[in-house]
Amino acid sequence: MAKISAVIGQWYHDVARERLFEVVAFDDYSGAIEVQYEDGTVDEFDSETWRELVLLAAAQPDDWRSSLELSEEDRLFADDVLVPANSGDLLSALEMDDPLEWDEF
């Protein structure tokens, strides 16, 4: 039984599953505890399931963001602003119906 309270930003070791995760949010409406594992996977536990977990407080892993980081090639272009080639005045590209043409009926 988990006797550890869920704290946003705290890392925990799930002993049964041998996984590390961080609590990232609470859903006040449903009472769910949202977590993110070190590989980036997001999951949630309801409060009853949280109490059943066998947890230990853990330190943040040194390289936990490595799977989420940009590659060196992507990092070169990360700050580029992407503008579609035809992003000019989109309204001018629309063809307006002639309001006097009644042949549609």
PDB file of N, CA and C in Angstrom:
ATOM      1  N   MET A   1       0.825  -1.178   0.000  1.00  0.00           N
ATOM      2  CA  MET A   1       0.000   0.000   0.000  1.00  0.00           C
ATOM      3  C   MET A   1       0.873   1.247   0.000  1.00  0.00           C
ATOM      4  N   ALA A   2       0.544   2.178  -0.870  1.00  0.00           N
ATOM      5  CA  ALA A   2       1.319   3.415  -0.954  1.00  0.00           C
ATOM      6  C   ALA A   2       0.933   4.336   0.199  1.00  0.00           C
ATOM      7  N   LYS A   3       1.906   4.647   0.990  1.00  0.00           N
ATOM      8  CA  LYS A   3       1.671   5.590   2.079  1.00  0.00           C
ATOM      9  C   LYS A   3       2.295   6.924   1.724  1.00  0.00           C
ATOM     10  N   ILE A   4       2.775   7.017   0.501  1.00  0.00           N
ATOM     11  CA  ILE A   4       3.421   8.231   0.024  1.00  0.00           C
ATOM     12  C   ILE A   4       2.383   9.067  -0.713  1.00  0.00           C
ATOM     13  N   SER A   5       2.283  10.324  -0.363  1.00  0.00           N
ATOM     14  CA  SER A   5       1.361  11.225  -1.054  1.00  0.00           C
ATOM     15  C   SER A   5       1.923  11.596  -2.411  1.00  0.00           C
ATOM     16  N   ALA A   6       1.043  11.784  -3.360  1.00  0.00           N
ATOM     17  CA  ALA A   6       1.452  12.211  -4.693  1.00  0.00           C
ATOM     18  C   ALA A   6       1.756  13.704  -4.666  1.00  0.00           C
ATOM     19  N   VAL A   7       2.955  14.059  -5.104  1.00  0.00           N
ATOM     20  CA  VAL A   7       3.385  15.451  -5.132  1.00  0.00           C
ATOM     21  C   VAL A   7       3.850  15.768  -6.545  1.00  0.00           C
ATOM     22  N   ILE A   8       3.286  16.812  -7.133  1.00  0.00           N
ATOM     23  CA  ILE A   8       3.681  17.190  -8.493  1.00  0.00           C
ATOM     24  C   ILE A   8       5.168  17.532  -8.497  1.00  0.00           C
ATOM     25  N   GLY A   9       5.881  16.955  -9.470  1.00  0.00           N
ATOM     26  CA  GLY A   9       7.316  17.180  -9.603  1.00  0.00           C
ATOM     27  C   GLY A   9       8.163  16.149  -8.886  1.00  0.00           C
ATOM     28  N   GLN A  10       7.549  15.320  -8.055  1.00  0.00           N
ATOM     29  CA  GLN A  10       8.285  14.282  -7.317  1.00  0.00           C
ATOM     30  C   GLN A  10       8.389  13.010  -8.158  1.00  0.00           C
ATOM     31  N   TRP A  11       9.527  12.351  -8.085  1.00  0.00           N
ATOM     32  CA  TRP A  11       9.756  11.081  -8.764  1.00  0.00           C
ATOM     33  C   TRP A  11       9.512   9.940  -7.791  1.00  0.00           C
ATOM     34  N   TYR A  12       8.972   8.829  -8.330  1.00  0.00           N
ATOM     35  CA  TYR A  12       8.669   7.656  -7.527  1.00  0.00           C
ATOM     36  C   TYR A  12       9.147   6.412  -8.260  1.00  0.00           C
ATOM     37  N   HIS A  13       9.480   5.397  -7.483  1.00  0.00           N
ATOM     38  CA  HIS A  13       9.857   4.098  -8.032  1.00  0.00           C
ATOM     39  C   HIS A  13       8.720   3.139  -7.728  1.00  0.00           C
ATOM     40  N   ASP A  14       8.077   2.611  -8.780  1.00  0.00           N
ATOM     41  CA  ASP A  14       7.029   1.609  -8.633  1.00  0.00           C
ATOM     42  C   ASP A  14       7.738   0.269  -8.473  1.00  0.00           C
ATOM     43  N   VAL A  15       7.760  -0.256  -7.268  1.00  0.00           N
ATOM     44  CA  VAL A  15       8.524  -1.465  -6.955  1.00  0.00           C
ATOM     45  C   VAL A  15       8.004  -2.668  -7.728  1.00  0.00           C
ATOM     46  N   ALA A  16       6.704  -2.823  -7.844  1.00  0.00           N
ATOM     47  CA  ALA A  16       6.119  -3.983  -8.518  1.00  0.00           C
ATOM     48  C   ALA A  16       6.437  -4.001 -10.010  1.00  0.00           C
ATOM     49  N   ARG A  17       6.431  -2.848 -10.636  1.00  0.00           N
ATOM     50  CA  ARG A  17       6.664  -2.777 -12.089  1.00  0.00           C
ATOM     51  C   ARG A  17       8.099  -2.404 -12.439  1.00  0.00           C
ATOM     52  N   GLU A  18       8.894  -2.067 -11.418  1.00  0.00           N
ATOM     53  CA  GLU A  18      10.290  -1.659 -11.635  1.00  0.00           C
ATOM     54  C   GLU A  18      10.375  -0.500 -12.638  1.00  0.00           C
ATOM     55  N   ARG A  19       9.572   0.518 -12.401  1.00  0.00           N
ATOM     56  CA  ARG A  19       9.566   1.689 -13.285  1.00  0.00           C
ATOM     57  C   ARG A  19       9.645   2.954 -12.459  1.00  0.00           C
ATOM     58  N   LEU A  20      10.330   3.957 -13.024  1.00  0.00           N
ATOM     59  CA  LEU A  20      10.403   5.281 -12.418  1.00  0.00           C
ATOM     60  C   LEU A  20       9.419   6.192 -13.121  1.00  0.00           C
ATOM     61  N   PHE A  21       8.766   7.045 -12.357  1.00  0.00           N
ATOM     62  CA  PHE A  21       7.862   8.023 -12.962  1.00  0.00           C
ATOM     63  C   PHE A  21       7.823   9.276 -12.113  1.00  0.00           C
ATOM     64  N   GLU A  22       7.348  10.355 -12.742  1.00  0.00           N
ATOM     65  CA  GLU A  22       7.179  11.638 -12.082  1.00  0.00           C
ATOM     66  C   GLU A  22       5.702  11.981 -12.078  1.00  0.00           C
ATOM     67  N   VAL A  23       5.207  12.510 -10.989  1.00  0.00           N
ATOM     68  CA  VAL A  23       3.832  13.008 -10.955  1.00  0.00           C
ATOM     69  C   VAL A  23       3.835  14.363 -11.653  1.00  0.00           C
ATOM     70  N   VAL A  24       3.005  14.501 -12.691  1.00  0.00           N
ATOM     71  CA  VAL A  24       3.003  15.737 -13.474  1.00  0.00           C
ATOM     72  C   VAL A  24       1.737  16.570 -13.306  1.00  0.00           C
ATOM     73  N   ALA A  25       0.646  15.961 -12.834  1.00  0.00           N
ATOM     74  CA  ALA A  25      -0.584  16.739 -12.693  1.00  0.00           C
ATOM     75  C   ALA A  25      -1.613  15.973 -11.878  1.00  0.00           C
ATOM     76  N   PHE A  26      -2.590  16.715 -11.379  1.00  0.00           N
ATOM     77  CA  PHE A  26      -3.758  16.146 -10.725  1.00  0.00           C
ATOM     78  C   PHE A  26      -4.985  16.588 -11.505  1.00  0.00           C
ATOM     79  N   ASP A  27      -5.936  15.714 -11.656  1.00  0.00           N
ATOM     80  CA  ASP A  27      -7.214  16.081 -12.242  1.00  0.00           C
ATOM     81  C   ASP A  27      -8.182  16.263 -11.072  1.00  0.00           C
ATOM     82  N   ASP A  28      -8.457  17.503 -10.744  1.00  0.00           N
ATOM     83  CA  ASP A  28      -9.302  17.798  -9.589  1.00  0.00           C
ATOM     84  C   ASP A  28     -10.713  17.233  -9.737  1.00  0.00           C
ATOM     85  N   TYR A  29     -11.202  17.166 -10.953  1.00  0.00           N
ATOM     86  CA  TYR A  29     -12.568  16.702 -11.182  1.00  0.00           C
ATOM     87  C   TYR A  29     -12.696  15.205 -10.908  1.00  0.00           C
ATOM     88  N   SER A  30     -11.780  14.412 -11.501  1.00  0.00           N
ATOM     89  CA  SER A  30     -11.880  12.959 -11.353  1.00  0.00           C
ATOM     90  C   SER A  30     -11.017  12.407 -10.223  1.00  0.00           C
ATOM     91  N   GLY A  31     -10.092  13.200  -9.711  1.00  0.00           N
ATOM     92  CA  GLY A  31      -9.188  12.723  -8.667  1.00  0.00           C
ATOM     93  C   GLY A  31      -8.032  11.916  -9.204  1.00  0.00           C
ATOM     94  N   ALA A  32      -7.842  11.912 -10.516  1.00  0.00           N
ATOM     95  CA  ALA A  32      -6.767  11.136 -11.131  1.00  0.00           C
ATOM     96  C   ALA A  32      -5.411  11.803 -10.899  1.00  0.00           C
ATOM     97  N   ILE A  33      -4.402  10.965 -10.797  1.00  0.00           N
ATOM     98  CA  ILE A  33      -3.026  11.421 -10.647  1.00  0.00           C
ATOM     99  C   ILE A  33      -2.320  11.085 -11.952  1.00  0.00           C
ATOM    100  N   GLU A  34      -1.869  12.114 -12.664  1.00  0.00           N
ATOM    101  CA  GLU A  34      -1.224  11.912 -13.954  1.00  0.00           C
ATOM    102  C   GLU A  34       0.275  11.819 -13.752  1.00  0.00           C
ATOM    103  N   VAL A  35       0.886  10.807 -14.402  1.00  0.00           N
ATOM    104  CA  VAL A  35       2.315  10.560 -14.250  1.00  0.00           C
ATOM    105  C   VAL A  35       2.972  10.450 -15.618  1.00  0.00           C
ATOM    106  N   GLN A  36       4.282  10.679 -15.635  1.00  0.00           N
ATOM    107  CA  GLN A  36       5.061  10.498 -16.857  1.00  0.00           C
ATOM    108  C   GLN A  36       6.268   9.638 -16.516  1.00  0.00           C
ATOM    109  N   TYR A  37       6.397   8.523 -17.246  1.00  0.00           N
ATOM    110  CA  TYR A  37       7.521   7.627 -17.043  1.00  0.00           C
ATOM    111  C   TYR A  37       8.758   8.217 -17.694  1.00  0.00           C
ATOM    112  N   GLU A  38       9.913   7.686 -17.356  1.00  0.00           N
ATOM    113  CA  GLU A  38      11.155   8.260 -17.862  1.00  0.00           C
ATOM    114  C   GLU A  38      11.305   8.118 -19.374  1.00  0.00           C
ATOM    115  N   ASP A  39      10.547   7.222 -20.021  1.00  0.00           N
ATOM    116  CA  ASP A  39      10.609   7.106 -21.479  1.00  0.00           C
ATOM    117  C   ASP A  39       9.648   8.060 -22.177  1.00  0.00           C
ATOM    118  N   GLY A  40       8.942   8.886 -21.402  1.00  0.00           N
ATOM    119  CA  GLY A  40       8.027   9.874 -21.968  1.00  0.00           C
ATOM    120  C   GLY A  40       6.582   9.444 -21.983  1.00  0.00           C
ATOM    121  N   THR A  41       6.307   8.184 -21.708  1.00  0.00           N
ATOM    122  CA  THR A  41       4.939   7.677 -21.682  1.00  0.00           C
ATOM    123  C   THR A  41       4.155   8.333 -20.555  1.00  0.00           C
ATOM    124  N   VAL A  42       2.926   8.735 -20.861  1.00  0.00           N
ATOM    125  CA  VAL A  42       2.061   9.374 -19.870  1.00  0.00           C
ATOM    126  C   VAL A  42       0.971   8.385 -19.461  1.00  0.00           C
ATOM    127  N   ASP A  43       0.648   8.371 -18.195  1.00  0.00           N
ATOM    128  CA  ASP A  43      -0.368   7.467 -17.667  1.00  0.00           C
ATOM    129  C   ASP A  43      -1.080   8.181 -16.517  1.00  0.00           C
ATOM    130  N   GLU A  44      -2.124   7.576 -15.998  1.00  0.00           N
ATOM    131  CA  GLU A  44      -2.787   8.146 -14.838  1.00  0.00           C
ATOM    132  C   GLU A  44      -3.300   7.041 -13.934  1.00  0.00           C
ATOM    133  N   PHE A  45      -3.377   7.366 -12.662  1.00  0.00           N
ATOM    134  CA  PHE A  45      -3.895   6.448 -11.648  1.00  0.00           C
ATOM    135  C   PHE A  45      -5.049   7.135 -10.941  1.00  0.00           C
ATOM    136  N   ASP A  46      -6.095   6.378 -10.631  1.00  0.00           N
ATOM    137  CA  ASP A  46      -7.111   6.950  -9.760  1.00  0.00           C
ATOM    138  C   ASP A  46      -6.590   6.851  -8.330  1.00  0.00           C
ATOM    139  N   SER A  47      -7.221   7.531  -7.409  1.00  0.00           N
ATOM    140  CA  SER A  47      -6.703   7.597  -6.042  1.00  0.00           C
ATOM    141  C   SER A  47      -6.691   6.224  -5.366  1.00  0.00           C
ATOM    142  N   GLU A  48      -7.642   5.363  -5.678  1.00  0.00           N
ATOM    143  CA  GLU A  48      -7.668   4.024  -5.092  1.00  0.00           C
ATOM    144  C   GLU A  48      -6.486   3.188  -5.580  1.00  0.00           C
ATOM    145  N   THR A  49      -6.198   3.244  -6.879  1.00  0.00           N
ATOM    146  CA  THR A  49      -5.056   2.519  -7.434  1.00  0.00           C
ATOM    147  C   THR A  49      -3.753   3.061  -6.861  1.00  0.00           C
ATOM    148  N   TRP A  50      -3.663   4.387  -6.699  1.00  0.00           N
ATOM    149  CA  TRP A  50      -2.449   4.996  -6.134  1.00  0.00           C
ATOM    150  C   TRP A  50      -2.161   4.418  -4.737  1.00  0.00           C
ATOM    151  N   ARG A  51      -3.202   4.269  -3.936  1.00  0.00           N
ATOM    152  CA  ARG A  51      -3.022   3.742  -2.578  1.00  0.00           C
ATOM    153  C   ARG A  51      -2.557   2.288  -2.581  1.00  0.00           C
ATOM    154  N   GLU A  52      -2.859   1.546  -3.637  1.00  0.00           N
ATOM    155  CA  GLU A  52      -2.466   0.136  -3.724  1.00  0.00           C
ATOM    156  C   GLU A  52      -1.041  -0.054  -4.243  1.00  0.00           C
ATOM    157  N   LEU A  53      -0.452   0.977  -4.839  1.00  0.00           N
ATOM    158  CA  LEU A  53       0.903   0.855  -5.387  1.00  0.00           C
ATOM    159  C   LEU A  53       1.936   0.733  -4.276  1.00  0.00           C
ATOM    160  N   VAL A  54       2.981  -0.009  -4.564  1.00  0.00           N
ATOM    161  CA  VAL A  54       4.126  -0.083  -3.651  1.00  0.00           C
ATOM    162  C   VAL A  54       5.163   0.871  -4.212  1.00  0.00           C
ATOM    163  N   LEU A  55       5.305   2.027  -3.564  1.00  0.00           N
ATOM    164  CA  LEU A  55       6.138   3.106  -4.086  1.00  0.00           C
ATOM    165  C   LEU A  55       7.245   3.485  -3.115  1.00  0.00           C
ATOM    166  N   LEU A  56       8.340   3.930  -3.708  1.00  0.00           N
ATOM    167  CA  LEU A  56       9.425   4.540  -2.954  1.00  0.00           C
ATOM    168  C   LEU A  56       9.708   5.887  -3.585  1.00  0.00           C
ATOM    169  N   ALA A  57      10.005   6.876  -2.761  1.00  0.00           N
ATOM    170  CA  ALA A  57      10.430   8.159  -3.310  1.00  0.00           C
ATOM    171  C   ALA A  57      11.755   7.936  -4.028  1.00  0.00           C
ATOM    172  N   ALA A  58      11.940   8.583  -5.153  1.00  0.00           N
ATOM    173  CA  ALA A  58      13.151   8.377  -5.952  1.00  0.00           C
ATOM    174  C   ALA A  58      13.722   9.721  -6.380  1.00  0.00           C
ATOM    175  N   ALA A  59      14.995   9.706  -6.701  1.00  0.00           N
ATOM    176  CA  ALA A  59      15.646  10.894  -7.239  1.00  0.00           C
ATOM    177  C   ALA A  59      15.390  10.951  -8.744  1.00  0.00           C
ATOM    178  N   GLN A  60      15.359  12.146  -9.271  1.00  0.00           N
ATOM    179  CA  GLN A  60      15.175  12.321 -10.711  1.00  0.00           C
ATOM    180  C   GLN A  60      16.357  11.690 -11.433  1.00  0.00           C
ATOM    181  N   PRO A  61      16.105  10.835 -12.442  1.00  0.00           N
ATOM    182  CA  PRO A  61      17.204  10.238 -13.202  1.00  0.00           C
ATOM    183  C   PRO A  61      18.008  11.318 -13.925  1.00  0.00           C
ATOM    184  N   ASP A  62      19.305  11.097 -14.066  1.00  0.00           N
ATOM    185  CA  ASP A  62      20.169  12.076 -14.718  1.00  0.00           C
ATOM    186  C   ASP A  62      19.812  12.284 -16.184  1.00  0.00           C
ATOM    187  N   ASP A  63      19.476  11.221 -16.884  1.00  0.00           N
ATOM    188  CA  ASP A  63      19.270  11.305 -18.333  1.00  0.00           C
ATOM    189  C   ASP A  63      17.823  11.045 -18.742  1.00  0.00           C
ATOM    190  N   TRP A  64      16.869  11.357 -17.890  1.00  0.00           N
ATOM    191  CA  TRP A  64      15.491  10.996 -18.187  1.00  0.00           C
ATOM    192  C   TRP A  64      14.907  11.732 -19.378  1.00  0.00           C
ATOM    193  N   ARG A  65      15.418  12.894 -19.730  1.00  0.00           N
ATOM    194  CA  ARG A  65      14.897  13.630 -20.878  1.00  0.00           C
ATOM    195  C   ARG A  65      15.579  13.250 -22.189  1.00  0.00           C
ATOM    196  N   SER A  66      16.558  12.377 -22.155  1.00  0.00           N
ATOM    197  CA  SER A  66      17.311  12.058 -23.363  1.00  0.00           C
ATOM    198  C   SER A  66      16.431  11.456 -24.458  1.00  0.00           C
ATOM    199  N   SER A  67      15.424  10.675 -24.084  1.00  0.00           N
ATOM    200  CA  SER A  67      14.545  10.103 -25.105  1.00  0.00           C
ATOM    201  C   SER A  67      13.598  11.138 -25.691  1.00  0.00           C
ATOM    202  N   LEU A  68      13.462  12.299 -25.038  1.00  0.00           N
ATOM    203  CA  LEU A  68      12.550  13.334 -25.491  1.00  0.00           C
ATOM    204  C   LEU A  68      13.256  14.481 -26.198  1.00  0.00           C
ATOM    205  N   GLU A  69      14.582  14.463 -26.222  1.00  0.00           N
ATOM    206  CA  GLU A  69      15.337  15.568 -26.788  1.00  0.00           C
ATOM    207  C   GLU A  69      15.417  15.471 -28.307  1.00  0.00           C
ATOM    208  N   LEU A  70      15.679  16.611 -28.930  1.00  0.00           N
ATOM    209  CA  LEU A  70      15.851  16.662 -30.370  1.00  0.00           C
ATOM    210  C   LEU A  70      17.194  16.074 -30.766  1.00  0.00           C
ATOM    211  N   SER A  71      17.249  15.482 -31.952  1.00  0.00           N
ATOM    212  CA  SER A  71      18.520  15.003 -32.473  1.00  0.00           C
ATOM    213  C   SER A  71      19.370  16.216 -32.859  1.00  0.00           C
ATOM    214  N   GLU A  72      20.653  16.001 -33.105  1.00  0.00           N
ATOM    215  CA  GLU A  72      21.534  17.108 -33.479  1.00  0.00           C
ATOM    216  C   GLU A  72      21.047  17.768 -34.772  1.00  0.00           C
ATOM    217  N   GLU A  73      20.586  16.973 -35.732  1.00  0.00           N
ATOM    218  CA  GLU A  73      20.093  17.522 -36.997  1.00  0.00           C
ATOM    219  C   GLU A  73      18.847  18.379 -36.775  1.00  0.00           C
ATOM    220  N   ASP A  74      17.904  17.879 -35.976  1.00  0.00           N
ATOM    221  CA  ASP A  74      16.691  18.643 -35.690  1.00  0.00           C
ATOM    222  C   ASP A  74      16.986  19.892 -34.880  1.00  0.00           C
ATOM    223  N   ARG A  75      17.987  19.824 -34.017  1.00  0.00           N
ATOM    224  CA  ARG A  75      18.336  20.960 -33.184  1.00  0.00           C
ATOM    225  C   ARG A  75      18.838  22.128 -34.038  1.00  0.00           C
ATOM    226  N   LEU A  76      19.454  21.845 -35.184  1.00  0.00           N
ATOM    227  CA  LEU A  76      19.951  22.900 -36.067  1.00  0.00           C
ATOM    228  C   LEU A  76      18.821  23.772 -36.603  1.00  0.00           C
ATOM    229  N   PHE A  77      17.663  23.176 -36.813  1.00  0.00           N
ATOM    230  CA  PHE A  77      16.543  23.879 -37.419  1.00  0.00           C
ATOM    231  C   PHE A  77      15.400  24.138 -36.439  1.00  0.00           C
ATOM    232  N   ALA A  78      15.631  23.951 -35.164  1.00  0.00           N
ATOM    233  CA  ALA A  78      14.562  24.045 -34.168  1.00  0.00           C
ATOM    234  C   ALA A  78      13.964  25.442 -34.068  1.00  0.00           C
ATOM    235  N   ASP A  79      14.739  26.482 -34.349  1.00  0.00           N
ATOM    236  CA  ASP A  79      14.232  27.846 -34.208  1.00  0.00           C
ATOM    237  C   ASP A  79      13.735  28.444 -35.518  1.00  0.00           C
ATOM    238  N   ASP A  80      13.789  27.676 -36.603  1.00  0.00           N
ATOM    239  CA  ASP A  80      13.310  28.180 -37.887  1.00  0.00           C
ATOM    240  C   ASP A  80      11.794  28.339 -37.848  1.00  0.00           C
ATOM    241  N   VAL A  81      11.331  29.410 -38.430  1.00  0.00           N
ATOM    242  CA  VAL A  81       9.898  29.647 -38.536  1.00  0.00           C
ATOM    243  C   VAL A  81       9.437  29.047 -39.852  1.00  0.00           C
ATOM    244  N   LEU A  82       8.487  28.145 -39.780  1.00  0.00           N
ATOM    245  CA  LEU A  82       7.977  27.503 -40.983  1.00  0.00           C
ATOM    246  C   LEU A  82       6.722  28.229 -41.447  1.00  0.00           C
ATOM    247  N   VAL A  83       6.781  28.730 -42.682  1.00  0.00           N
ATOM    248  CA  VAL A  83       5.655  29.443 -43.262  1.00  0.00           C
ATOM    249  C   VAL A  83       5.273  28.719 -44.537  1.00  0.00           C
ATOM    250  N   PRO A  84       4.033  28.269 -44.667  1.00  0.00           N
ATOM    251  CA  PRO A  84       3.616  27.596 -45.891  1.00  0.00           C
ATOM    252  C   PRO A  84       3.797  28.511 -47.099  1.00  0.00           C
ATOM    253  N   ALA A  85       4.121  27.914 -48.241  1.00  0.00           N
ATOM    254  CA  ALA A  85       4.402  28.682 -49.447  1.00  0.00           C
ATOM    255  C   ALA A  85       3.209  29.515 -49.893  1.00  0.00           C
ATOM    256  N   ASN A  86       2.012  29.022 -49.715  1.00  0.00           N
ATOM    257  CA  ASN A  86       0.824  29.747 -50.167  1.00  0.00           C
ATOM    258  C   ASN A  86       0.080  30.384 -48.999  1.00  0.00           C
ATOM    259  N   SER A  87       0.808  30.951 -48.077  1.00  0.00           N
ATOM    260  CA  SER A  87       0.168  31.504 -46.893  1.00  0.00           C
ATOM    261  C   SER A  87      -0.200  32.972 -47.042  1.00  0.00           C
ATOM    262  N   GLY A  88      -0.226  33.457 -48.284  1.00  0.00           N
ATOM    263  CA  GLY A  88      -0.591  34.854 -48.503  1.00  0.00           C
ATOM    264  C   GLY A  88      -2.008  35.112 -48.044  1.00  0.00           C
ATOM    265  N   ASP A  89      -2.701  35.930 -48.746  1.00  0.00           N
ATOM    266  CA  ASP A  89      -4.073  36.256 -48.393  1.00  0.00           C
ATOM    267  C   ASP A  89      -4.975  35.089 -48.780  1.00  0.00           C
ATOM    268  N   LEU A  90      -5.334  34.275 -47.835  1.00  0.00           N
ATOM    269  CA  LEU A  90      -6.117  33.074 -48.104  1.00  0.00           C
ATOM    270  C   LEU A  90      -7.527  33.396 -48.583  1.00  0.00           C
ATOM    271  N   LEU A  91      -8.078  34.514 -48.151  1.00  0.00           N
ATOM    272  CA  LEU A  91      -9.431  34.863 -48.577  1.00  0.00           C
ATOM    273  C   LEU A  91      -9.484  35.221 -50.060  1.00  0.00           C
ATOM    274  N   SER A  92      -8.416  35.797 -50.588  1.00  0.00           N
ATOM    275  CA  SER A  92      -8.422  36.161 -51.999  1.00  0.00           C
ATOM    276  C   SER A  92      -8.376  34.926 -52.899  1.00  0.00           C
ATOM    277  N   ALA A  93      -7.947  33.799 -52.368  1.00  0.00           N
ATOM    278  CA  ALA A  93      -7.888  32.571 -53.161  1.00  0.00           C
ATOM    279  C   ALA A  93      -9.259  31.907 -53.280  1.00  0.00           C
ATOM    280  N   LEU A  94     -10.226  32.320 -52.467  1.00  0.00           N
ATOM    281  CA  LEU A  94     -11.558  31.739 -52.532  1.00  0.00           C
ATOM    282  C   LEU A  94     -12.348  32.330 -53.696  1.00  0.00           C
ATOM    283  N   GLU A  95     -13.101  31.472 -54.345  1.00  0.00           N
ATOM    284  CA  GLU A  95     -13.973  31.955 -55.414  1.00  0.00           C
ATOM    285  C   GLU A  95     -15.339  32.237 -54.809  1.00  0.00           C
ATOM    286  N   MET A  96     -15.779  33.446 -54.970  1.00  0.00           N
ATOM    287  CA  MET A  96     -17.058  33.840 -54.400  1.00  0.00           C
ATOM    288  C   MET A  96     -18.179  33.487 -55.370  1.00  0.00           C
ATOM    289  N   ASP A  97     -19.299  33.058 -54.837  1.00  0.00           N
ATOM    290  CA  ASP A  97     -20.487  32.804 -55.658  1.00  0.00           C
ATOM    291  C   ASP A  97     -21.092  34.133 -56.067  1.00  0.00           C
ATOM    292  N   ASP A  98     -21.574  34.167 -57.291  1.00  0.00           N
ATOM    293  CA  ASP A  98     -22.265  35.369 -57.749  1.00  0.00           C
ATOM    294  C   ASP A  98     -23.675  35.333 -57.162  1.00  0.00           C
ATOM    295  N   PRO A  99     -24.054  36.299 -56.348  1.00  0.00           N
ATOM    296  CA  PRO A  99     -25.360  36.250 -55.690  1.00  0.00           C
ATOM    297  C   PRO A  99     -26.524  36.377 -56.672  1.00  0.00           C
ATOM    298  N   LEU A 100     -26.274  36.798 -57.909  1.00  0.00           N
ATOM    299  CA  LEU A 100     -27.364  36.958 -58.872  1.00  0.00           C
ATOM    300  C   LEU A 100     -27.610  35.725 -59.696  1.00  0.00           C
ATOM    301  N   GLU A 101     -26.770  34.719 -59.570  1.00  0.00           N
ATOM    302  CA  GLU A 101     -26.991  33.478 -60.330  1.00  0.00           C
ATOM    303  C   GLU A 101     -27.954  32.593 -59.547  1.00  0.00           C
ATOM    304  N   TRP A 102     -29.087  32.340 -60.181  1.00  0.00           N
ATOM    305  CA  TRP A 102     -30.127  31.555 -59.528  1.00  0.00           C
ATOM    306  C   TRP A 102     -30.272  30.190 -60.178  1.00  0.00           C
ATOM    307  N   ASP A 103     -29.303  29.764 -60.935  1.00  0.00           N
ATOM    308  CA  ASP A 103     -29.419  28.485 -61.641  1.00  0.00           C
ATOM    309  C   ASP A 103     -29.169  27.280 -60.739  1.00  0.00           C
ATOM    310  N   GLU A 104     -28.883  27.510 -59.475  1.00  0.00           N
ATOM    311  CA  GLU A 104     -28.612  26.417 -58.560  1.00  0.00           C
ATOM    312  C   GLU A 104     -29.897  25.759 -58.073  1.00  0.00           C
ATOM    313  N   PHE A 105     -31.046  26.395 -58.306  1.00  0.00           N
ATOM    314  CA  PHE A 105     -32.312  25.842 -57.828  1.00  0.00           C
ATOM    315  C   PHE A 105     -32.961  24.986 -58.828  1.00  0.00           C
TER     316      PHE A 105
END
